[in-house]
Amino acid sequence: MGKPHIRGAARATLSGLASLSLLTAAALASIPQATAAPQAPGHTARPNPYDPAYQHPYRHGVLPTIQQHARMKSWSAAHPAATAATGPETLSYGGGIDGIGVQSGHSKVYLVFYGSQWGTQSTNGSGDATFSGDPDGAAPVTQEMFKGIGTGNELWSADLTQWCDGPNVATGATSCPSNANFVPYQSGGVLAGVWYDNSAASPSAATGHQLGAEAVKAAGHFGNTTAAANRDAYYVILSPHGTNPDNYQGQYCAWHDYNGDSTLTGGPVSSSYGDIAFSNQPYNMDSGAGCGVGFVNSPGTLDGWTMTLGHEWHEMMSDQNPAGGWTNHTGSSYDGQENSDECAWISPGSTGGAANVKMGTGTFAEQASWSNDTNSCAISHPIVGGGTGGGGTLTNGTFETGSLSSWTTSGSTSATSSAAHSGSYGAMAGSTSPTNTSSLSQSFTAPSGTSKVSFWYNVTCPDTVTYDWATATLQDTTSGTTTTLLGKTCTQGAGWKQVSGTVTPGHNYTLTLTNKDDNYAGDATYTYYDDVTVS
């Protein structure tokens, strides 16, 4: 855990004093002068007593309300600190905790709707979970946003591709060597699962320990029962309307952490599934403009909601087990902050300001994040060190999102309950009516410690293999070779079968699952695919 200091706390920057206009002069004048707090060991910056992480160090990446942010800036201006030669906003590598600094694979985001107050669950036309206790319609927008990351040529998330971890990255480094483990560009979306835990009501003011325990519980629910399964997993704990998790109201809008943090209120959370990264995502529309309602758009009810979701995800990606990843150690007023903290609440239209980001699934209000390589807050960034890989490890292989997110499809394909080998959903290629060739494919990088890719299939082929079949190929784009995992197969009533193939860690692959139908009336062929894994 290292020496005790406020790690990753969001005392985020505005562009000059642009956003101070959000408070009246009278409101600022009423802010009391704080007594200077003791200095943390080894740092020249004094902790900001208006920071929501002050005396609550587990609130990593905590995003203060706009009003609280103004108080922090006012205090910082009155208590200047020395800056480092690298610049006051430069982030450096913390050396990793339990060997973890960043998410250097394809992120798997699991949404946990925590508590029966969310109401009755339904499904909309996009396959998203909706809830009767969600007055602002936040749930489906959350799902579409995480489905949309890495689609539609969006470059908001490409800022992350400059960050890295691994044995070749020195503690204190401010840039990444070429042989580091980079965060890959998150192509194809990152939503990996949705769970409504309505087994009990969410606490009126859940503690950090309770939120972490819910994340560990969710890992078990999703079958992520090993440290390897959770290496690139992230559990967003979404509390319902009307609750006040970790007493956020009037202080902040969200934070992230991991289960092993000893400073969590109530203590760390034990896990037999490895380290669990999670966030506290309150229903922060309840805080109104203080948490960003109307910050980018009008009325902009969900502006702050998507901005805080994006803020915490960016920070988790670059600092998964805080503060072992990339944080500020310059001793300046930014000391302890993460990449998104340094760019929070910058007004739209300003340099590095919040803006609408267009993805393949829609347009979402997001904020910028700090970039060491450009020395600025970036709302858009070129794909750099981590962008040449195949998009990280394979995601949505169980199709439990109820969609084919992360997969590239052609022909007639769908995610449907009738195609499930396990869980609630599987993928269907082809149709019960005659059609033509249909396929789904995904590019990925085989993570370290893996040796095989596998999947289950169930083909219904009333014709002969001369005309109709199921087949699957694995292209190794690193070596330029292609392997046929499933040769042309035409059977009926044979049930589920498993197929496996060999992968080499670090190599980039494209897996393609195909159903061939000759579109002849009376003998439609279709294939179910499910439980696609790399292990």
Protein backbone atom coordinates (compact mmCIF):
# COMPACT_ATOMS: atom_id res chain seq x y z
CA MET A 1 0.00 0.00 0.00
CA GLY A 2 3.02 2.35 0.43
CA LYS A 3 3.23 5.42 2.61
CA PRO A 4 -0.06 6.93 3.79
CA HIS A 5 -1.12 9.96 1.78
CA ILE A 6 -4.15 11.14 -0.13
CA ARG A 7 -3.92 9.10 -3.33
CA GLY A 8 -5.84 9.76 -6.50
CA ALA A 9 -8.14 12.34 -4.93
CA ALA A 10 -9.93 14.52 -7.46
CA ARG A 11 -9.13 18.15 -6.81
CA ALA A 12 -9.78 18.69 -10.48
CA THR A 13 -8.69 21.75 -12.44
CA LEU A 14 -10.71 24.38 -14.23
CA SER A 15 -9.36 26.37 -17.16
CA GLY A 16 -8.23 29.48 -15.30
CA LEU A 17 -11.21 30.73 -13.36
CA ALA A 18 -13.73 30.10 -16.16
CA SER A 19 -15.98 27.85 -14.15
CA LEU A 20 -15.88 29.97 -11.02
CA SER A 21 -18.65 31.99 -12.63
CA LEU A 22 -20.91 29.08 -11.70
CA LEU A 23 -20.81 30.41 -8.16
CA THR A 24 -21.79 33.94 -7.23
CA ALA A 25 -19.17 36.27 -5.80
CA ALA A 26 -21.13 36.31 -2.58
CA ALA A 27 -20.98 32.52 -2.35
CA LEU A 28 -17.22 32.56 -2.80
CA ALA A 29 -16.84 35.33 -0.26
CA SER A 30 -18.66 33.19 2.28
CA ILE A 31 -16.09 30.39 2.06
CA PRO A 32 -14.22 30.24 5.37
CA GLN A 33 -10.42 30.32 5.56
CA ALA A 34 -9.30 26.82 6.41
CA THR A 35 -6.61 25.95 8.87
CA ALA A 36 -3.63 24.48 7.05
CA ALA A 37 -3.59 20.69 7.19
CA PRO A 38 -0.44 18.74 8.08
CA GLN A 39 1.83 17.86 5.19
CA ALA A 40 1.95 14.26 4.01
CA PRO A 41 5.35 12.57 4.35
CA GLY A 42 7.63 13.25 1.41
CA HIS A 43 5.36 15.82 -0.22
CA THR A 44 5.52 19.59 -0.33
CA ALA A 45 1.80 20.01 -1.04
CA ARG A 46 -0.63 20.31 1.83
CA PRO A 47 -3.85 18.29 1.55
CA ASN A 48 -6.74 20.50 0.54
CA PRO A 49 -9.29 20.42 3.38
CA TYR A 50 -12.12 21.04 0.91
CA ASP A 51 -11.23 17.93 -1.09
CA PRO A 52 -13.90 15.19 -0.57
CA ALA A 53 -10.96 12.77 -0.26
CA TYR A 54 -9.51 14.72 2.70
CA GLN A 55 -9.51 12.22 5.59
CA HIS A 56 -11.28 9.79 3.21
CA PRO A 57 -8.30 8.50 1.15
CA TYR A 58 -10.25 5.61 -0.40
CA ARG A 59 -12.17 8.08 -2.56
CA HIS A 60 -9.76 7.71 -5.47
CA GLY A 61 -10.59 9.83 -8.48
CA VAL A 62 -13.37 11.45 -6.50
CA LEU A 63 -15.15 14.04 -8.60
CA PRO A 64 -16.20 17.00 -6.41
CA THR A 65 -19.40 18.87 -7.05
CA ILE A 66 -18.96 22.08 -9.00
CA GLN A 67 -19.46 24.13 -5.83
CA GLN A 68 -16.98 22.03 -3.83
CA HIS A 69 -14.51 22.23 -6.71
CA ALA A 70 -14.64 26.04 -6.58
CA ARG A 71 -13.90 25.97 -2.85
CA MET A 72 -10.90 23.71 -3.52
CA LYS A 73 -9.56 26.05 -6.20
CA SER A 74 -9.98 29.07 -3.95
CA TRP A 75 -8.04 27.37 -1.14
CA SER A 76 -5.30 26.22 -3.54
CA ALA A 77 -4.88 29.75 -4.89
CA ALA A 78 -4.37 31.00 -1.33
CA HIS A 79 -1.89 28.20 -0.49
CA PRO A 80 0.47 27.88 -3.49
CA ALA A 81 2.96 25.03 -3.53
CA ALA A 82 6.23 24.48 -5.31
CA THR A 83 6.02 22.76 -8.68
CA ALA A 84 8.24 20.08 -10.14
CA ALA A 85 10.49 20.58 -13.15
CA THR A 86 8.32 18.23 -15.21
CA GLY A 87 5.31 20.50 -14.77
CA PRO A 88 2.64 20.60 -12.06
CA GLU A 89 0.18 18.30 -13.87
CA THR A 90 2.59 15.56 -14.99
CA LEU A 91 1.56 12.06 -13.93
CA SER A 92 4.06 9.37 -12.97
CA TYR A 93 3.90 5.61 -12.48
CA GLY A 94 3.30 4.32 -8.96
CA GLY A 95 4.97 0.94 -9.38
CA GLY A 96 1.82 -1.16 -9.32
CA ILE A 97 -0.06 -2.79 -6.46
CA ASP A 98 -0.18 -6.60 -6.55
CA GLY A 99 1.51 -6.24 -9.93
CA ILE A 100 -1.36 -4.11 -11.29
CA GLY A 101 -0.95 -0.58 -12.59
CA VAL A 102 -3.31 -0.17 -15.56
CA GLN A 103 -5.80 -2.31 -17.45
CA SER A 104 -3.48 -3.52 -20.20
CA GLY A 105 -6.09 -5.77 -21.83
CA HIS A 106 -9.57 -5.19 -23.20
CA SER A 107 -11.68 -3.74 -20.40
CA LYS A 108 -14.69 -5.74 -19.23
CA VAL A 109 -17.22 -3.39 -17.64
CA TYR A 110 -19.94 -4.95 -15.49
CA LEU A 111 -22.90 -2.81 -14.45
CA VAL A 112 -24.42 -3.68 -11.07
CA PHE A 113 -27.80 -2.08 -10.34
CA TYR A 114 -27.58 -2.26 -6.58
CA GLY A 115 -30.82 -2.59 -4.63
CA SER A 116 -34.52 -3.26 -5.10
CA GLN A 117 -35.28 0.49 -5.24
CA TRP A 118 -34.44 0.33 -8.95
CA GLY A 119 -37.93 -1.16 -9.33
CA THR A 120 -39.23 -3.49 -12.01
CA GLN A 121 -36.77 -4.52 -14.70
CA SER A 122 -37.72 -4.57 -18.40
CA THR A 123 -35.83 -4.64 -21.70
CA ASN A 124 -36.04 -1.98 -24.40
CA GLY A 125 -35.72 -2.36 -28.16
CA SER A 126 -31.93 -2.05 -28.00
CA GLY A 127 -31.65 -4.96 -25.59
CA ASP A 128 -30.85 -2.67 -22.65
CA ALA A 129 -32.16 -3.23 -19.14
CA THR A 130 -34.60 -0.54 -18.02
CA PHE A 131 -36.08 0.06 -14.56
CA SER A 132 -39.32 1.56 -13.28
CA GLY A 133 -37.39 3.26 -10.43
CA ASP A 134 -35.12 5.15 -12.82
CA PRO A 135 -36.93 8.49 -13.34
CA ASP A 136 -34.19 9.99 -15.53
CA GLY A 137 -33.64 6.95 -17.76
CA ALA A 138 -30.02 6.60 -16.70
CA ALA A 139 -29.75 2.80 -16.98
CA PRO A 140 -30.10 2.35 -20.77
CA VAL A 141 -27.87 5.36 -21.47
CA THR A 142 -25.18 3.80 -19.27
CA GLN A 143 -25.34 0.57 -21.25
CA GLU A 144 -25.23 2.32 -24.62
CA MET A 145 -22.26 4.44 -23.54
CA PHE A 146 -20.13 1.47 -22.52
CA LYS A 147 -21.22 -0.42 -25.65
CA GLY A 148 -20.12 2.61 -27.68
CA ILE A 149 -16.58 3.06 -26.34
CA GLY A 150 -14.16 2.16 -29.11
CA THR A 151 -16.82 2.37 -31.85
CA GLY A 152 -17.74 4.99 -34.44
CA ASN A 153 -14.07 6.06 -34.65
CA GLU A 154 -14.30 7.87 -31.32
CA LEU A 155 -10.94 9.10 -30.04
CA TRP A 156 -11.99 10.28 -26.58
CA SER A 157 -10.84 6.96 -25.11
CA ALA A 158 -7.63 6.92 -27.19
CA ASP A 159 -6.00 9.15 -24.55
CA LEU A 160 -5.62 5.96 -22.52
CA THR A 161 -3.31 4.30 -25.04
CA GLN A 162 -0.32 6.32 -23.75
CA TRP A 163 -0.44 4.67 -20.29
CA CYS A 164 1.24 1.38 -19.39
CA ASP A 165 2.47 -0.99 -16.70
CA GLY A 166 4.64 -4.08 -16.43
CA PRO A 167 8.14 -4.99 -15.25
CA ASN A 168 9.79 -2.68 -17.78
CA VAL A 169 8.15 0.45 -16.36
CA ALA A 170 10.15 2.10 -13.58
CA THR A 171 8.44 3.53 -10.53
CA GLY A 172 8.34 7.28 -11.04
CA ALA A 173 8.46 7.07 -14.86
CA THR A 174 6.62 9.87 -16.67
CA SER A 175 6.50 8.11 -20.05
CA CYS A 176 6.33 4.51 -21.26
CA PRO A 177 9.13 2.47 -22.83
CA SER A 178 8.31 0.66 -26.08
CA ASN A 179 8.44 -2.74 -24.35
CA ALA A 180 5.80 -1.83 -21.74
CA ASN A 181 2.29 -3.33 -21.46
CA PHE A 182 0.18 -0.52 -22.92
CA VAL A 183 -3.53 0.10 -22.50
CA PRO A 184 -4.91 -0.99 -25.90
CA TYR A 185 -7.48 1.01 -27.82
CA GLN A 186 -10.79 -0.39 -26.58
CA SER A 187 -12.29 -1.29 -29.96
CA GLY A 188 -15.79 -2.71 -30.16
CA GLY A 189 -17.21 -1.59 -26.81
CA VAL A 190 -16.43 -2.61 -23.24
CA LEU A 191 -19.79 -3.62 -21.74
CA ALA A 192 -19.43 -7.21 -20.55
CA GLY A 193 -22.49 -7.78 -18.35
CA VAL A 194 -25.48 -6.28 -16.54
CA TRP A 195 -26.89 -7.51 -13.24
CA TYR A 196 -29.86 -6.29 -11.24
CA ASP A 197 -29.19 -7.28 -7.63
CA ASN A 198 -32.66 -6.85 -6.15
CA SER A 199 -32.10 -9.40 -3.39
CA ALA A 200 -32.42 -6.55 -0.87
CA ALA A 201 -32.81 -2.80 -0.73
CA SER A 202 -29.66 -0.76 -1.25
CA PRO A 203 -28.54 0.87 2.02
CA SER A 204 -29.65 4.47 2.44
CA ALA A 205 -25.97 5.44 2.75
CA ALA A 206 -23.78 2.48 1.79
CA THR A 207 -20.25 2.46 3.23
CA GLY A 208 -17.16 1.95 1.13
CA HIS A 209 -16.91 -1.58 2.51
CA GLN A 210 -20.52 -2.37 1.52
CA LEU A 211 -19.91 -1.08 -2.02
CA GLY A 212 -16.75 -3.16 -2.30
CA ALA A 213 -18.55 -6.23 -0.96
CA GLU A 214 -21.22 -5.77 -3.62
CA ALA A 215 -18.48 -5.69 -6.27
CA VAL A 216 -17.00 -8.96 -4.99
CA LYS A 217 -20.49 -10.47 -4.95
CA ALA A 218 -20.95 -9.35 -8.56
CA ALA A 219 -17.68 -11.00 -9.60
CA GLY A 220 -19.06 -14.29 -8.30
CA HIS A 221 -22.38 -13.69 -10.06
CA PHE A 222 -20.64 -13.20 -13.41
CA GLY A 223 -18.42 -16.25 -12.91
CA ASN A 224 -15.21 -14.23 -12.59
CA THR A 225 -13.84 -16.39 -9.80
CA THR A 226 -10.09 -16.10 -10.45
CA ALA A 227 -7.57 -13.28 -10.31
CA ALA A 228 -6.98 -13.72 -14.06
CA ALA A 229 -10.68 -13.30 -14.80
CA ASN A 230 -10.73 -10.03 -12.86
CA ARG A 231 -7.46 -8.60 -14.17
CA ASP A 232 -9.31 -6.52 -16.76
CA ALA A 233 -12.72 -6.41 -15.06
CA TYR A 234 -14.40 -3.33 -13.59
CA TYR A 235 -17.62 -3.33 -11.55
CA VAL A 236 -19.71 -0.14 -11.58
CA ILE A 237 -21.93 -0.17 -8.47
CA LEU A 238 -24.94 1.94 -9.42
CA SER A 239 -26.97 3.01 -6.40
CA PRO A 240 -30.65 3.88 -6.94
CA HIS A 241 -32.45 7.21 -6.95
CA GLY A 242 -32.96 8.61 -3.45
CA THR A 243 -29.98 6.93 -1.78
CA ASN A 244 -26.81 8.60 -0.52
CA PRO A 245 -23.92 6.11 -0.92
CA ASP A 246 -20.86 7.11 1.11
CA ASN A 247 -22.67 10.38 1.93
CA TYR A 248 -21.90 11.89 -1.47
CA GLN A 249 -24.65 14.55 -1.45
CA GLY A 250 -23.20 18.05 -1.52
CA GLN A 251 -19.59 16.79 -1.62
CA TYR A 252 -18.81 14.80 -4.74
CA CYS A 253 -20.32 12.84 -7.62
CA ALA A 254 -18.42 9.48 -7.84
CA TRP A 255 -15.17 7.69 -6.97
CA HIS A 256 -13.35 4.45 -7.75
CA ASP A 257 -11.15 2.07 -5.76
CA TYR A 258 -10.36 -1.63 -5.32
CA ASN A 259 -11.42 -4.08 -2.65
CA GLY A 260 -8.04 -4.30 -0.92
CA ASP A 261 -7.81 -0.65 0.09
CA SER A 262 -7.33 -0.63 3.87
CA THR A 263 -8.77 2.88 4.15
CA LEU A 264 -12.27 1.93 2.94
CA THR A 265 -14.91 2.90 5.50
CA GLY A 266 -15.59 -0.37 7.27
CA GLY A 267 -12.23 -1.77 6.21
CA PRO A 268 -10.98 -3.65 3.13
CA VAL A 269 -13.11 -6.35 1.53
CA SER A 270 -11.75 -9.89 1.36
CA SER A 271 -11.88 -11.59 -2.02
CA SER A 272 -11.04 -15.11 -3.11
CA TYR A 273 -11.36 -13.93 -6.72
CA GLY A 274 -8.29 -11.70 -6.83
CA ASP A 275 -8.29 -7.91 -6.76
CA ILE A 276 -11.64 -6.32 -7.68
CA ALA A 277 -11.76 -2.84 -9.26
CA PHE A 278 -15.04 -1.01 -8.67
CA SER A 279 -16.64 2.40 -8.51
CA ASN A 280 -19.23 4.15 -6.37
CA GLN A 281 -21.69 5.61 -8.89
CA PRO A 282 -24.47 7.45 -7.04
CA TYR A 283 -27.69 8.45 -8.81
CA ASN A 284 -26.10 11.86 -9.00
CA MET A 285 -28.88 13.56 -10.97
CA ASP A 286 -30.33 13.90 -7.46
CA SER A 287 -27.61 16.54 -6.91
CA GLY A 288 -28.70 18.63 -9.89
CA ALA A 289 -26.24 21.12 -11.39
CA GLY A 290 -23.70 20.38 -8.69
CA CYS A 291 -22.99 17.06 -10.40
CA GLY A 292 -23.23 18.39 -13.92
CA VAL A 293 -26.91 18.43 -14.92
CA GLY A 294 -26.97 20.81 -17.90
CA PHE A 295 -23.19 21.23 -17.97
CA VAL A 296 -22.86 20.57 -21.73
CA ASN A 297 -26.40 20.47 -23.15
CA SER A 298 -29.84 21.88 -22.39
CA PRO A 299 -31.56 20.46 -20.45
CA GLY A 300 -28.68 17.98 -20.24
CA THR A 301 -30.24 15.87 -17.50
CA LEU A 302 -27.68 13.09 -17.97
CA ASP A 303 -24.66 15.26 -18.84
CA GLY A 304 -23.03 14.85 -15.43
CA TRP A 305 -24.05 11.20 -15.26
CA THR A 306 -22.16 10.18 -18.41
CA MET A 307 -19.29 12.53 -17.56
CA THR A 308 -18.78 10.91 -14.15
CA LEU A 309 -19.12 7.39 -15.57
CA GLY A 310 -16.46 8.28 -18.13
CA HIS A 311 -14.30 10.09 -15.57
CA GLU A 312 -14.09 7.08 -13.24
CA TRP A 313 -13.62 4.56 -16.07
CA HIS A 314 -10.71 6.59 -17.50
CA GLU A 315 -9.10 6.76 -14.07
CA MET A 316 -9.62 3.07 -13.37
CA MET A 317 -8.03 2.23 -16.73
CA SER A 318 -4.91 4.28 -15.92
CA ASP A 319 -4.82 3.54 -12.16
CA GLN A 320 -6.65 0.26 -11.56
CA ASN A 321 -5.40 -0.41 -8.01
CA PRO A 322 -4.89 3.14 -6.68
CA ALA A 323 -2.32 4.50 -6.50
CA GLY A 324 -0.16 1.89 -8.22
CA GLY A 325 -0.89 3.32 -11.67
CA TRP A 326 -0.51 6.84 -13.03
CA THR A 327 -1.08 9.67 -10.55
CA ASN A 328 0.37 13.07 -9.74
CA HIS A 329 3.45 13.09 -7.48
CA THR A 330 4.80 16.56 -8.29
CA GLY A 331 4.07 18.08 -4.91
CA SER A 332 1.95 20.76 -6.56
CA SER A 333 -1.71 21.56 -5.94
CA TYR A 334 -2.45 18.61 -8.27
CA ASP A 335 -0.63 16.19 -5.98
CA GLY A 336 -2.41 12.82 -5.72
CA GLN A 337 -4.77 13.42 -8.64
CA GLU A 338 -5.43 11.04 -11.54
CA ASN A 339 -5.76 11.82 -15.24
CA SER A 340 -9.43 12.85 -15.22
CA ASP A 341 -9.21 14.75 -11.93
CA GLU A 342 -6.88 17.26 -13.52
CA CYS A 343 -9.42 18.11 -16.22
CA ALA A 344 -12.71 18.06 -14.31
CA TRP A 345 -15.39 20.74 -14.73
CA ILE A 346 -13.64 22.67 -17.50
CA SER A 347 -16.39 24.57 -19.28
CA PRO A 348 -17.47 23.49 -22.79
CA GLY A 349 -15.75 25.59 -25.43
CA SER A 350 -12.65 26.13 -23.29
CA THR A 351 -9.37 24.41 -24.10
CA GLY A 352 -9.72 20.89 -22.78
CA GLY A 353 -13.37 21.51 -21.91
CA ALA A 354 -16.18 18.97 -21.67
CA ALA A 355 -17.95 18.15 -24.93
CA ASN A 356 -20.32 15.78 -26.67
CA VAL A 357 -18.52 12.66 -27.90
CA LYS A 358 -20.03 10.75 -30.80
CA MET A 359 -19.78 6.96 -30.61
CA GLY A 360 -21.28 4.19 -32.70
CA THR A 361 -24.18 3.89 -30.24
CA GLY A 362 -24.99 7.58 -29.78
CA THR A 363 -23.59 10.87 -28.49
CA PHE A 364 -22.61 11.31 -24.85
CA ALA A 365 -21.34 14.24 -22.78
CA GLU A 366 -17.80 13.52 -21.59
CA GLN A 367 -14.92 15.38 -20.03
CA ALA A 368 -11.27 15.51 -21.10
CA SER A 369 -8.42 13.65 -19.39
CA TRP A 370 -4.83 14.68 -18.83
CA SER A 371 -2.17 13.63 -21.38
CA ASN A 372 1.51 13.64 -20.46
CA ASP A 373 2.51 13.35 -24.12
CA THR A 374 0.72 16.54 -25.16
CA ASN A 375 0.94 18.30 -21.77
CA SER A 376 -2.76 19.15 -21.96
CA CYS A 377 -6.29 18.01 -21.25
CA ALA A 378 -7.49 15.97 -24.24
CA ILE A 379 -11.11 15.36 -25.23
CA SER A 380 -9.72 13.67 -28.38
CA HIS A 381 -6.32 12.04 -28.79
CA PRO A 382 -4.48 9.98 -31.42
CA ILE A 383 -4.13 6.25 -30.80
CA VAL A 384 -0.53 5.84 -29.65
CA GLY A 385 1.50 3.16 -27.79
CA GLY A 386 -1.35 0.86 -26.96
CA GLY A 387 -3.20 1.27 -30.22
CA THR A 388 -1.39 -1.21 -32.45
CA GLY A 389 -2.70 -4.33 -30.73
CA GLY A 390 -5.79 -6.26 -31.70
CA GLY A 391 -8.07 -4.51 -29.23
CA GLY A 392 -7.20 -6.43 -26.07
CA THR A 393 -8.50 -9.74 -24.88
CA LEU A 394 -11.74 -11.12 -26.26
CA THR A 395 -14.84 -9.58 -24.70
CA ASN A 396 -18.59 -10.35 -24.61
CA GLY A 397 -17.83 -13.96 -25.41
CA THR A 398 -20.77 -15.11 -23.29
CA PHE A 399 -23.19 -12.67 -24.98
CA GLU A 400 -24.75 -11.95 -21.60
CA THR A 401 -25.03 -8.31 -22.62
CA GLY A 402 -28.01 -9.49 -24.67
CA SER A 403 -26.30 -8.04 -27.71
CA LEU A 404 -23.43 -8.73 -30.11
CA SER A 405 -21.43 -5.74 -28.82
CA SER A 406 -17.67 -6.12 -29.47
CA TRP A 407 -18.38 -8.41 -32.46
CA THR A 408 -18.31 -7.48 -36.13
CA THR A 409 -21.27 -9.12 -37.88
CA SER A 410 -22.52 -9.80 -41.38
CA GLY A 411 -25.68 -11.43 -42.72
CA SER A 412 -28.36 -12.57 -40.28
CA THR A 413 -27.01 -12.59 -36.69
CA SER A 414 -28.49 -11.94 -33.28
CA ALA A 415 -28.05 -12.47 -29.55
CA THR A 416 -30.97 -14.55 -28.32
CA SER A 417 -32.00 -16.65 -25.34
CA SER A 418 -32.70 -19.64 -27.61
CA ALA A 419 -28.99 -19.75 -28.49
CA ALA A 420 -27.67 -19.99 -24.91
CA HIS A 421 -25.33 -22.83 -24.00
CA SER A 422 -25.08 -21.33 -20.50
CA GLY A 423 -26.47 -18.18 -18.94
CA SER A 424 -29.30 -16.27 -20.61
CA TYR A 425 -27.97 -15.48 -24.10
CA GLY A 426 -25.95 -16.90 -26.97
CA ALA A 427 -25.24 -15.84 -30.54
CA MET A 428 -27.24 -17.08 -33.52
CA ALA A 429 -25.71 -17.00 -37.00
CA GLY A 430 -28.24 -17.68 -39.73
CA SER A 431 -32.01 -17.87 -39.41
CA THR A 432 -34.90 -20.30 -39.17
CA SER A 433 -35.83 -18.95 -42.61
CA PRO A 434 -33.55 -19.52 -45.62
CA THR A 435 -30.77 -16.94 -45.86
CA ASN A 436 -27.19 -16.57 -47.05
CA THR A 437 -23.81 -16.66 -45.31
CA SER A 438 -23.77 -15.07 -41.84
CA SER A 439 -20.82 -14.53 -39.53
CA LEU A 440 -19.53 -12.81 -36.41
CA SER A 441 -15.88 -12.02 -35.78
CA GLN A 442 -13.73 -10.32 -33.18
CA SER A 443 -10.10 -9.23 -33.04
CA PHE A 444 -8.20 -9.60 -29.78
CA THR A 445 -4.75 -9.92 -28.24
CA ALA A 446 -3.97 -13.13 -26.33
CA PRO A 447 -3.05 -12.03 -22.77
CA SER A 448 -0.01 -13.35 -20.94
CA GLY A 449 -0.65 -16.67 -19.25
CA THR A 450 -3.18 -17.85 -21.87
CA SER A 451 -2.78 -20.75 -24.28
CA LYS A 452 -6.12 -21.44 -25.93
CA VAL A 453 -9.30 -20.02 -27.37
CA SER A 454 -12.46 -22.12 -27.14
CA PHE A 455 -16.15 -21.91 -27.93
CA TRP A 456 -19.32 -24.02 -27.99
CA TYR A 457 -21.49 -24.48 -31.07
CA ASN A 458 -24.79 -26.19 -31.93
CA VAL A 459 -25.63 -26.41 -35.63
CA THR A 460 -29.02 -27.19 -37.19
CA CYS A 461 -28.34 -28.26 -40.78
CA PRO A 462 -31.11 -30.25 -42.54
CA ASP A 463 -29.15 -30.12 -45.83
CA THR A 464 -25.78 -31.69 -46.75
CA VAL A 465 -22.28 -30.32 -46.22
CA THR A 466 -22.07 -29.78 -49.99
CA TYR A 467 -24.39 -26.79 -49.66
CA ASP A 468 -24.74 -25.74 -46.01
CA TRP A 469 -22.40 -25.80 -43.02
CA ALA A 470 -20.94 -24.22 -39.89
CA THR A 471 -17.25 -23.32 -39.78
CA ALA A 472 -14.81 -21.28 -37.68
CA THR A 473 -11.34 -19.89 -38.35
CA LEU A 474 -8.64 -18.25 -36.22
CA GLN A 475 -6.32 -15.83 -38.01
CA ASP A 476 -3.01 -15.02 -36.29
CA THR A 477 -2.39 -11.54 -37.67
CA THR A 478 0.99 -11.37 -35.91
CA SER A 479 2.43 -14.40 -37.74
CA GLY A 480 0.19 -14.16 -40.81
CA THR A 481 -1.26 -17.66 -40.46
CA THR A 482 -4.88 -18.93 -40.36
CA THR A 483 -6.13 -22.04 -38.61
CA THR A 484 -9.47 -23.75 -39.25
CA LEU A 485 -10.84 -24.54 -35.80
CA LEU A 486 -14.12 -26.00 -37.03
CA GLY A 487 -14.14 -27.60 -40.45
CA LYS A 488 -17.30 -27.54 -42.56
CA THR A 489 -19.92 -29.23 -40.37
CA CYS A 490 -23.53 -30.09 -41.26
CA THR A 491 -25.40 -32.04 -38.58
CA GLN A 492 -28.81 -31.91 -36.96
CA GLY A 493 -29.75 -32.85 -33.42
CA ALA A 494 -26.15 -33.46 -32.34
CA GLY A 495 -26.39 -30.85 -29.57
CA TRP A 496 -23.67 -28.65 -28.16
CA LYS A 497 -20.02 -29.37 -28.97
CA GLN A 498 -16.87 -27.58 -27.80
CA VAL A 499 -13.96 -26.56 -30.03
CA SER A 500 -10.55 -25.26 -28.92
CA GLY A 501 -7.46 -23.85 -30.60
CA THR A 502 -4.00 -22.73 -29.53
CA VAL A 503 -3.00 -19.08 -29.03
CA THR A 504 0.36 -17.47 -28.29
CA PRO A 505 0.41 -14.75 -25.60
CA GLY A 506 0.97 -11.32 -27.11
CA HIS A 507 -0.13 -12.34 -30.60
CA ASN A 508 -3.07 -10.60 -32.27
CA TYR A 509 -5.93 -12.72 -33.58
CA THR A 510 -9.23 -12.53 -35.42
CA LEU A 511 -11.76 -15.25 -34.63
CA THR A 512 -14.54 -15.72 -37.18
CA LEU A 513 -17.64 -17.87 -36.53
CA THR A 514 -19.65 -18.61 -39.68
CA ASN A 515 -22.94 -20.17 -40.77
CA LYS A 516 -23.32 -20.98 -44.49
CA ASP A 517 -26.86 -21.35 -45.89
CA ASP A 518 -27.52 -21.66 -49.63
CA ASN A 519 -30.85 -19.81 -49.25
CA TYR A 520 -32.81 -22.80 -50.54
CA ALA A 521 -36.44 -23.02 -49.44
CA GLY A 522 -37.26 -25.75 -46.94
CA ASP A 523 -33.85 -26.49 -45.41
CA ALA A 524 -32.71 -23.38 -43.55
CA THR A 525 -29.41 -23.85 -41.70
CA TYR A 526 -28.40 -21.91 -38.59
CA THR A 527 -25.76 -22.21 -35.86
CA TYR A 528 -25.71 -21.22 -32.20
CA TYR A 529 -22.38 -20.06 -30.71
CA ASP A 530 -21.72 -19.37 -27.03
CA ASP A 531 -19.12 -19.23 -24.24
CA VAL A 532 -16.24 -17.97 -26.35
CA THR A 533 -13.21 -17.68 -24.05
CA VAL A 534 -9.46 -17.13 -24.08
CA SER A 535 -7.74 -18.94 -21.21
